């Protein structure tokens, strides 16, 4: 028996645009109404009308953006009553499991119908000098690179529709 979510909110915070890009891809995959909510613009989203909440963030210096963490904490009770899908943008493949575990509270991860790290990007043109320096030093990458996994992004959208 299918339990299709009718109204979906894709809620995210994005520093350089990668998490927003993934949010838009998820929304495009969905055949139903999906509302994009950027936590930088909407401080207190009204979740009442949504059947499913997709939450996306990215990792900087080992942590998810504070806006995403605060949203999950503030709305935990409501989120645990909805269908939830979680995603994370990150570039350190070896740390994906740890980063996902640290990014979202355990209760929310356990409740989610899907949770995945979908890869990430280093966008040098959107970074400041210090960010570029740190990325070069830590990762050895010297120019913009995208390692987004379209199959994982599509799988998240399918989890919403199941």
N, C-alpha and C. Protein backbone atom coordinates (compact mmCIF):
# COMPACT_ATOMS: atom_id res chain seq x y z
N UNK A 1 0.85 -1.18 0.00
CA UNK A 1 0.00 0.00 0.00
C UNK A 1 0.90 1.24 0.00
N UNK A 2 0.69 2.12 -0.96
CA UNK A 2 1.50 3.33 -1.05
C UNK A 2 0.97 4.41 -0.12
N UNK A 3 1.92 5.10 0.49
CA UNK A 3 1.57 6.20 1.38
C UNK A 3 2.20 7.47 0.81
N UNK A 4 1.67 7.93 -0.30
CA UNK A 4 2.24 9.09 -0.96
C UNK A 4 2.03 10.35 -0.14
N UNK A 5 3.10 11.09 0.04
CA UNK A 5 3.01 12.37 0.71
C UNK A 5 2.43 13.37 -0.28
N UNK A 6 1.42 14.11 0.14
CA UNK A 6 0.78 15.05 -0.77
C UNK A 6 1.47 16.41 -0.79
N UNK A 7 1.81 16.92 0.37
CA UNK A 7 2.49 18.20 0.45
C UNK A 7 3.86 17.98 1.09
N UNK A 8 4.87 18.39 0.36
CA UNK A 8 6.25 18.17 0.80
C UNK A 8 6.96 19.51 0.97
N UNK A 9 7.64 19.66 2.09
CA UNK A 9 8.51 20.81 2.32
C UNK A 9 9.95 20.32 2.21
N UNK A 10 10.74 20.97 1.38
CA UNK A 10 12.17 20.69 1.30
C UNK A 10 12.85 21.87 1.99
N UNK A 11 13.33 21.61 3.20
CA UNK A 11 13.86 22.65 4.07
C UNK A 11 15.37 22.50 4.13
N UNK A 12 16.09 23.62 3.93
CA UNK A 12 17.54 23.53 3.83
C UNK A 12 18.19 24.84 4.25
N UNK A 13 19.49 24.76 4.44
CA UNK A 13 20.33 25.95 4.57
C UNK A 13 21.56 25.68 3.73
N UNK A 14 22.00 26.67 2.98
CA UNK A 14 23.10 26.48 2.04
C UNK A 14 24.06 27.66 2.13
N UNK A 15 25.34 27.36 2.25
CA UNK A 15 26.34 28.43 2.33
C UNK A 15 26.82 28.88 0.95
N UNK A 16 27.18 27.90 0.11
CA UNK A 16 27.69 28.23 -1.22
C UNK A 16 26.76 27.78 -2.35
N UNK A 17 25.60 27.20 -2.01
CA UNK A 17 24.62 26.87 -3.03
C UNK A 17 24.45 25.39 -3.34
N UNK A 18 25.33 24.53 -2.84
CA UNK A 18 25.22 23.11 -3.17
C UNK A 18 23.99 22.47 -2.53
N UNK A 19 23.75 22.75 -1.26
CA UNK A 19 22.60 22.17 -0.57
C UNK A 19 21.31 22.67 -1.22
N UNK A 20 21.29 23.93 -1.64
CA UNK A 20 20.12 24.47 -2.34
C UNK A 20 19.94 23.77 -3.69
N UNK A 21 21.03 23.52 -4.39
CA UNK A 21 20.98 22.81 -5.68
C UNK A 21 20.34 21.43 -5.49
N UNK A 22 20.76 20.72 -4.44
CA UNK A 22 20.20 19.39 -4.16
C UNK A 22 18.72 19.51 -3.79
N UNK A 23 18.36 20.51 -2.99
CA UNK A 23 16.96 20.73 -2.62
C UNK A 23 16.11 20.90 -3.88
N UNK A 24 16.59 21.67 -4.82
CA UNK A 24 15.86 21.90 -6.06
C UNK A 24 15.77 20.62 -6.90
N UNK A 25 16.85 19.81 -6.89
CA UNK A 25 16.81 18.55 -7.63
C UNK A 25 15.78 17.61 -7.03
N UNK A 26 15.75 17.51 -5.71
CA UNK A 26 14.76 16.66 -5.04
C UNK A 26 13.36 17.13 -5.42
N UNK A 27 13.12 18.42 -5.35
CA UNK A 27 11.81 18.98 -5.68
C UNK A 27 11.43 18.67 -7.13
N UNK A 28 12.40 18.72 -8.04
CA UNK A 28 12.12 18.43 -9.46
C UNK A 28 11.75 16.97 -9.67
N UNK A 29 12.38 16.07 -8.91
CA UNK A 29 12.08 14.65 -9.05
C UNK A 29 10.66 14.33 -8.59
N UNK A 30 10.15 15.13 -7.67
CA UNK A 30 8.83 14.85 -7.11
C UNK A 30 7.73 15.28 -8.07
N UNK A 31 6.74 14.43 -8.22
CA UNK A 31 5.64 14.76 -9.12
C UNK A 31 4.54 15.53 -8.40
N UNK A 32 4.66 15.65 -7.08
CA UNK A 32 3.64 16.38 -6.33
C UNK A 32 4.16 17.77 -5.96
N UNK A 33 3.35 18.50 -5.25
CA UNK A 33 3.71 19.84 -4.84
C UNK A 33 4.83 19.81 -3.80
N UNK A 34 5.94 20.45 -4.09
CA UNK A 34 7.04 20.55 -3.14
C UNK A 34 7.35 22.03 -2.93
N UNK A 35 7.44 22.42 -1.68
CA UNK A 35 7.73 23.80 -1.32
C UNK A 35 9.17 23.88 -0.81
N UNK A 36 9.97 24.72 -1.44
CA UNK A 36 11.34 24.93 -0.98
C UNK A 36 11.35 25.99 0.11
N UNK A 37 12.02 25.68 1.23
CA UNK A 37 12.11 26.63 2.34
C UNK A 37 13.57 26.78 2.73
N UNK A 38 14.12 27.96 2.47
CA UNK A 38 15.49 28.28 2.83
C UNK A 38 15.49 28.85 4.25
N UNK A 39 16.16 28.18 5.17
CA UNK A 39 16.16 28.61 6.57
C UNK A 39 16.86 29.96 6.78
N UNK A 40 17.62 30.41 5.81
CA UNK A 40 18.22 31.74 5.90
C UNK A 40 17.16 32.82 5.68
N UNK A 41 16.11 32.47 4.95
CA UNK A 41 15.06 33.43 4.61
C UNK A 41 13.80 33.27 5.47
N UNK A 42 13.49 32.04 5.85
CA UNK A 42 12.28 31.75 6.64
C UNK A 42 12.73 31.26 8.01
N UNK A 43 12.55 32.11 9.00
CA UNK A 43 13.06 31.80 10.35
C UNK A 43 12.19 30.78 11.08
N UNK A 44 10.87 30.85 10.89
CA UNK A 44 9.95 29.95 11.59
C UNK A 44 8.91 29.40 10.61
N UNK A 45 9.30 28.37 9.86
CA UNK A 45 8.36 27.83 8.88
C UNK A 45 7.15 27.18 9.56
N UNK A 46 6.00 27.31 8.93
CA UNK A 46 4.79 26.66 9.42
C UNK A 46 4.72 25.28 8.77
N UNK A 47 4.86 24.24 9.58
CA UNK A 47 4.94 22.88 9.06
C UNK A 47 3.59 22.17 9.02
N UNK A 48 2.56 22.82 9.52
CA UNK A 48 1.25 22.17 9.70
C UNK A 48 0.69 21.55 8.42
N UNK A 49 0.85 22.20 7.29
CA UNK A 49 0.22 21.73 6.05
C UNK A 49 1.04 20.68 5.31
N UNK A 50 2.21 20.33 5.82
CA UNK A 50 3.08 19.39 5.11
C UNK A 50 2.96 17.98 5.66
N UNK A 51 2.86 17.01 4.75
CA UNK A 51 2.82 15.60 5.12
C UNK A 51 4.23 15.04 5.28
N UNK A 52 5.16 15.59 4.51
CA UNK A 52 6.54 15.10 4.50
C UNK A 52 7.49 16.29 4.56
N UNK A 53 8.54 16.13 5.33
CA UNK A 53 9.56 17.16 5.47
C UNK A 53 10.90 16.57 5.04
N UNK A 54 11.53 17.17 4.04
CA UNK A 54 12.88 16.81 3.62
C UNK A 54 13.79 17.88 4.21
N UNK A 55 14.83 17.46 4.94
CA UNK A 55 15.73 18.41 5.58
C UNK A 55 17.13 18.21 5.01
N UNK A 56 17.75 19.31 4.56
CA UNK A 56 19.08 19.24 3.99
C UNK A 56 20.02 20.24 4.59
N UNK A 57 21.24 19.81 4.79
CA UNK A 57 22.30 20.68 5.29
C UNK A 57 23.62 20.25 4.69
N UNK A 58 24.67 20.95 5.06
CA UNK A 58 26.00 20.58 4.58
C UNK A 58 27.00 20.71 5.72
N UNK A 59 28.14 20.10 5.51
CA UNK A 59 29.17 20.03 6.53
C UNK A 59 30.24 21.09 6.27
N UNK A 60 30.52 21.88 7.30
CA UNK A 60 31.62 22.84 7.30
C UNK A 60 32.38 22.64 8.59
N UNK A 61 33.67 22.38 8.47
CA UNK A 61 34.53 22.15 9.64
C UNK A 61 33.93 21.05 10.53
N UNK A 62 33.37 20.02 9.91
CA UNK A 62 32.88 18.87 10.64
C UNK A 62 31.49 19.00 11.24
N UNK A 63 30.82 20.12 11.01
CA UNK A 63 29.49 20.32 11.60
C UNK A 63 28.49 20.78 10.56
N UNK A 64 27.21 20.44 10.80
CA UNK A 64 26.13 20.92 9.96
C UNK A 64 25.89 22.39 10.29
N UNK A 65 25.32 23.15 9.37
CA UNK A 65 25.04 24.56 9.62
C UNK A 65 24.19 24.72 10.88
N UNK A 66 24.48 25.75 11.68
CA UNK A 66 23.69 25.98 12.90
C UNK A 66 22.19 26.13 12.63
N UNK A 67 21.79 26.74 11.51
CA UNK A 67 20.37 26.93 11.21
C UNK A 67 19.66 25.58 11.06
N UNK A 68 20.32 24.59 10.50
CA UNK A 68 19.73 23.27 10.33
C UNK A 68 19.62 22.58 11.69
N UNK A 69 20.68 22.64 12.47
CA UNK A 69 20.67 22.02 13.80
C UNK A 69 19.59 22.64 14.68
N UNK A 70 19.50 23.97 14.64
CA UNK A 70 18.48 24.68 15.44
C UNK A 70 17.07 24.32 14.99
N UNK A 71 16.87 24.23 13.68
CA UNK A 71 15.55 23.85 13.16
C UNK A 71 15.14 22.47 13.67
N UNK A 72 16.05 21.51 13.58
CA UNK A 72 15.74 20.14 14.02
C UNK A 72 15.40 20.12 15.51
N UNK A 73 16.14 20.85 16.31
CA UNK A 73 15.88 20.89 17.75
C UNK A 73 14.54 21.57 18.04
N UNK A 74 14.32 22.72 17.44
CA UNK A 74 13.11 23.50 17.71
C UNK A 74 11.83 22.77 17.29
N UNK A 75 11.89 22.06 16.16
CA UNK A 75 10.70 21.43 15.60
C UNK A 75 10.66 19.91 15.79
N UNK A 76 11.50 19.38 16.68
CA UNK A 76 11.60 17.93 16.85
C UNK A 76 10.24 17.26 17.07
N UNK A 77 9.44 17.78 17.97
CA UNK A 77 8.15 17.16 18.29
C UNK A 77 7.27 17.07 17.04
N UNK A 78 7.22 18.12 16.27
CA UNK A 78 6.43 18.14 15.04
C UNK A 78 7.01 17.19 14.00
N UNK A 79 8.33 17.22 13.84
CA UNK A 79 8.99 16.38 12.84
C UNK A 79 8.74 14.90 13.10
N UNK A 80 8.70 14.51 14.37
CA UNK A 80 8.50 13.11 14.72
C UNK A 80 7.07 12.64 14.43
N UNK A 81 6.19 13.56 14.05
CA UNK A 81 4.82 13.21 13.68
C UNK A 81 4.62 13.23 12.16
N UNK A 82 5.68 13.52 11.42
CA UNK A 82 5.60 13.62 9.96
C UNK A 82 6.54 12.59 9.33
N UNK A 83 6.34 12.38 8.05
CA UNK A 83 7.30 11.61 7.27
C UNK A 83 8.52 12.50 7.08
N UNK A 84 9.71 11.98 7.36
CA UNK A 84 10.92 12.79 7.30
C UNK A 84 11.97 12.09 6.44
N UNK A 85 12.64 12.89 5.60
CA UNK A 85 13.78 12.44 4.80
C UNK A 85 14.92 13.41 5.08
N UNK A 86 16.11 12.87 5.33
CA UNK A 86 17.28 13.70 5.66
C UNK A 86 18.36 13.55 4.60
N UNK A 87 19.01 14.67 4.28
CA UNK A 87 20.20 14.56 3.43
C UNK A 87 21.26 15.53 3.90
N UNK A 88 22.46 15.23 3.49
CA UNK A 88 23.61 16.01 3.88
C UNK A 88 24.55 16.10 2.69
N UNK A 89 25.10 17.28 2.46
CA UNK A 89 26.12 17.47 1.44
C UNK A 89 27.48 17.50 2.16
N UNK A 90 28.40 16.69 1.68
CA UNK A 90 29.73 16.61 2.30
C UNK A 90 30.70 16.05 1.27
N UNK A 91 31.97 16.32 1.49
CA UNK A 91 32.98 15.88 0.52
C UNK A 91 33.92 14.80 1.06
N UNK A 92 33.95 14.57 2.35
CA UNK A 92 34.87 13.60 2.93
C UNK A 92 34.20 12.22 2.98
N UNK A 93 34.32 11.49 1.89
CA UNK A 93 33.63 10.20 1.73
C UNK A 93 33.88 9.26 2.91
N UNK A 94 35.09 9.25 3.43
CA UNK A 94 35.43 8.35 4.53
C UNK A 94 34.66 8.67 5.81
N UNK A 95 34.19 9.89 5.93
CA UNK A 95 33.51 10.34 7.15
C UNK A 95 31.99 10.45 7.00
N UNK A 96 31.44 10.01 5.87
CA UNK A 96 30.00 10.19 5.62
C UNK A 96 29.13 9.70 6.77
N UNK A 97 29.37 8.48 7.24
CA UNK A 97 28.51 7.92 8.31
C UNK A 97 28.60 8.74 9.58
N UNK A 98 29.81 9.13 9.95
CA UNK A 98 30.01 9.93 11.16
C UNK A 98 29.37 11.29 11.02
N UNK A 99 29.56 11.93 9.86
CA UNK A 99 28.99 13.26 9.63
C UNK A 99 27.47 13.23 9.67
N UNK A 100 26.87 12.21 9.07
CA UNK A 100 25.41 12.09 9.09
C UNK A 100 24.91 11.87 10.52
N UNK A 101 25.61 11.03 11.26
CA UNK A 101 25.24 10.75 12.65
C UNK A 101 25.35 12.02 13.51
N UNK A 102 26.38 12.82 13.28
CA UNK A 102 26.59 14.03 14.07
C UNK A 102 25.69 15.19 13.65
N UNK A 103 25.22 15.18 12.40
CA UNK A 103 24.46 16.30 11.86
C UNK A 103 23.02 16.34 12.37
N UNK A 104 22.42 15.16 12.55
CA UNK A 104 21.00 15.11 12.91
C UNK A 104 20.83 14.33 14.21
N UNK A 105 19.90 14.79 15.06
CA UNK A 105 19.67 14.09 16.33
C UNK A 105 19.26 12.62 16.10
N UNK A 106 19.65 11.77 17.02
CA UNK A 106 19.39 10.33 16.89
C UNK A 106 17.91 10.02 16.71
N UNK A 107 17.06 10.66 17.48
CA UNK A 107 15.62 10.40 17.38
C UNK A 107 15.11 10.72 15.97
N UNK A 108 15.61 11.78 15.37
CA UNK A 108 15.19 12.16 14.03
C UNK A 108 15.74 11.19 12.99
N UNK A 109 17.00 10.80 13.14
CA UNK A 109 17.59 9.82 12.21
C UNK A 109 16.83 8.50 12.27
N UNK A 110 16.49 8.06 13.47
CA UNK A 110 15.76 6.79 13.62
C UNK A 110 14.35 6.87 13.05
N UNK A 111 13.76 8.04 13.10
CA UNK A 111 12.40 8.25 12.59
C UNK A 111 12.36 8.39 11.06
N UNK A 112 13.42 8.91 10.48
CA UNK A 112 13.46 9.21 9.05
C UNK A 112 13.27 7.95 8.20
N UNK A 113 12.52 8.10 7.10
CA UNK A 113 12.34 6.98 6.17
C UNK A 113 13.56 6.81 5.27
N UNK A 114 14.39 7.87 5.18
CA UNK A 114 15.63 7.81 4.42
C UNK A 114 16.56 8.89 4.94
N UNK A 115 17.86 8.58 4.96
CA UNK A 115 18.89 9.55 5.36
C UNK A 115 20.15 9.22 4.58
N UNK A 116 20.71 10.22 3.92
CA UNK A 116 21.83 9.95 3.03
C UNK A 116 22.76 11.16 2.89
N UNK A 117 24.05 10.86 2.73
CA UNK A 117 25.00 11.88 2.30
C UNK A 117 25.07 11.77 0.79
N UNK A 118 24.81 12.88 0.10
CA UNK A 118 24.67 12.84 -1.36
C UNK A 118 25.90 13.37 -2.10
N UNK A 119 27.03 13.46 -1.38
CA UNK A 119 28.22 14.04 -1.98
C UNK A 119 28.23 15.53 -1.76
N UNK A 120 29.06 16.22 -2.51
CA UNK A 120 29.14 17.66 -2.31
C UNK A 120 29.95 18.34 -3.40
N UNK A 121 30.28 19.57 -3.13
CA UNK A 121 31.06 20.37 -4.09
C UNK A 121 32.02 21.28 -3.33
N UNK A 122 33.14 21.56 -3.95
CA UNK A 122 34.00 22.66 -3.54
C UNK A 122 33.86 23.70 -4.65
N UNK A 123 33.27 24.82 -4.34
CA UNK A 123 33.05 25.89 -5.32
C UNK A 123 33.98 27.05 -4.99
N UNK A 124 35.19 27.00 -5.52
CA UNK A 124 36.22 27.98 -5.19
C UNK A 124 35.77 29.41 -5.49
N UNK A 125 34.97 29.58 -6.56
CA UNK A 125 34.54 30.93 -6.93
C UNK A 125 33.58 31.53 -5.89
N UNK A 126 33.01 30.70 -5.03
CA UNK A 126 32.09 31.20 -4.00
C UNK A 126 32.72 31.23 -2.61
N UNK A 127 33.96 30.78 -2.51
CA UNK A 127 34.66 30.74 -1.22
C UNK A 127 35.48 32.00 -1.01
N UNK A 128 35.66 32.34 0.26
CA UNK A 128 36.58 33.43 0.56
C UNK A 128 38.00 32.87 0.61
N UNK A 129 38.97 33.75 0.78
CA UNK A 129 40.38 33.36 0.75
C UNK A 129 40.69 32.27 1.77
N UNK A 130 40.20 32.43 2.99
CA UNK A 130 40.49 31.47 4.06
C UNK A 130 39.87 30.11 3.74
N UNK A 131 38.64 30.11 3.24
CA UNK A 131 38.00 28.84 2.87
C UNK A 131 38.79 28.12 1.77
N UNK A 132 39.21 28.88 0.75
CA UNK A 132 40.01 28.26 -0.33
C UNK A 132 41.31 27.69 0.22
N UNK A 133 41.97 28.46 1.08
CA UNK A 133 43.22 28.02 1.68
C UNK A 133 43.02 26.71 2.45
N UNK A 134 41.98 26.67 3.29
CA UNK A 134 41.72 25.48 4.11
C UNK A 134 41.37 24.27 3.26
N UNK A 135 40.55 24.46 2.22
CA UNK A 135 40.19 23.34 1.34
C UNK A 135 41.44 22.80 0.66
N UNK A 136 42.29 23.69 0.16
CA UNK A 136 43.53 23.24 -0.49
C UNK A 136 44.40 22.46 0.49
N UNK A 137 44.54 22.99 1.68
CA UNK A 137 45.41 22.40 2.70
C UNK A 137 44.88 21.04 3.17
N UNK A 138 43.58 20.97 3.46
CA UNK A 138 43.00 19.76 4.05
C UNK A 138 42.72 18.69 3.00
N UNK A 139 42.15 19.09 1.86
CA UNK A 139 41.72 18.08 0.88
C UNK A 139 42.69 17.89 -0.28
N UNK A 140 43.56 18.88 -0.49
CA UNK A 140 44.47 18.80 -1.63
C UNK A 140 43.82 19.21 -2.94
N UNK A 141 42.57 19.63 -2.89
CA UNK A 141 41.85 20.06 -4.09
C UNK A 141 42.20 21.52 -4.36
N UNK A 142 42.50 21.85 -5.62
CA UNK A 142 42.96 23.19 -5.96
C UNK A 142 42.00 23.98 -6.83
N UNK A 143 40.89 23.37 -7.22
CA UNK A 143 39.92 24.08 -8.05
C UNK A 143 38.53 23.51 -7.79
N UNK A 144 37.52 24.20 -8.29
CA UNK A 144 36.14 23.78 -8.08
C UNK A 144 35.93 22.35 -8.57
N UNK A 145 35.15 21.59 -7.79
CA UNK A 145 34.89 20.21 -8.13
C UNK A 145 33.51 19.83 -7.59
N UNK A 146 32.78 19.01 -8.35
CA UNK A 146 31.48 18.53 -7.91
C UNK A 146 31.50 17.02 -7.83
N UNK A 147 31.06 16.51 -6.70
CA UNK A 147 30.96 15.06 -6.51
C UNK A 147 29.57 14.71 -5.99
N UNK A 148 28.55 15.37 -6.55
CA UNK A 148 27.18 15.06 -6.17
C UNK A 148 26.77 13.73 -6.80
N UNK A 149 26.04 12.92 -6.06
CA UNK A 149 25.61 11.61 -6.52
C UNK A 149 24.12 11.68 -6.90
N UNK A 150 23.87 11.83 -8.20
CA UNK A 150 22.49 11.97 -8.69
C UNK A 150 21.61 10.78 -8.32
N UNK A 151 22.19 9.58 -8.26
CA UNK A 151 21.41 8.40 -7.89
C UNK A 151 20.93 8.49 -6.45
N UNK A 152 21.78 8.97 -5.56
CA UNK A 152 21.38 9.13 -4.15
C UNK A 152 20.32 10.22 -4.01
N UNK A 153 20.44 11.28 -4.80
CA UNK A 153 19.45 12.36 -4.76
C UNK A 153 18.11 11.84 -5.24
N UNK A 154 18.11 11.09 -6.32
CA UNK A 154 16.87 10.52 -6.85
C UNK A 154 16.27 9.53 -5.84
N UNK A 155 17.11 8.76 -5.16
CA UNK A 155 16.63 7.80 -4.16
C UNK A 155 15.93 8.52 -3.00
N UNK A 156 16.42 9.69 -2.64
CA UNK A 156 15.75 10.48 -1.59
C UNK A 156 14.34 10.87 -2.04
N UNK A 157 14.24 11.34 -3.27
CA UNK A 157 12.93 11.72 -3.81
C UNK A 157 11.99 10.53 -3.87
N UNK A 158 12.52 9.38 -4.24
CA UNK A 158 11.69 8.16 -4.28
C UNK A 158 11.21 7.79 -2.88
N UNK A 159 12.06 8.00 -1.86
CA UNK A 159 11.66 7.70 -0.48
C UNK A 159 10.48 8.59 -0.06
N UNK A 160 10.45 9.82 -0.56
CA UNK A 160 9.34 10.71 -0.26
C UNK A 160 8.05 10.14 -0.86
N UNK A 161 8.15 9.59 -2.06
CA UNK A 161 6.96 9.12 -2.79
C UNK A 161 6.46 7.76 -2.33
N UNK A 162 7.29 7.01 -1.62
CA UNK A 162 6.89 5.65 -1.19
C UNK A 162 5.88 5.70 -0.07
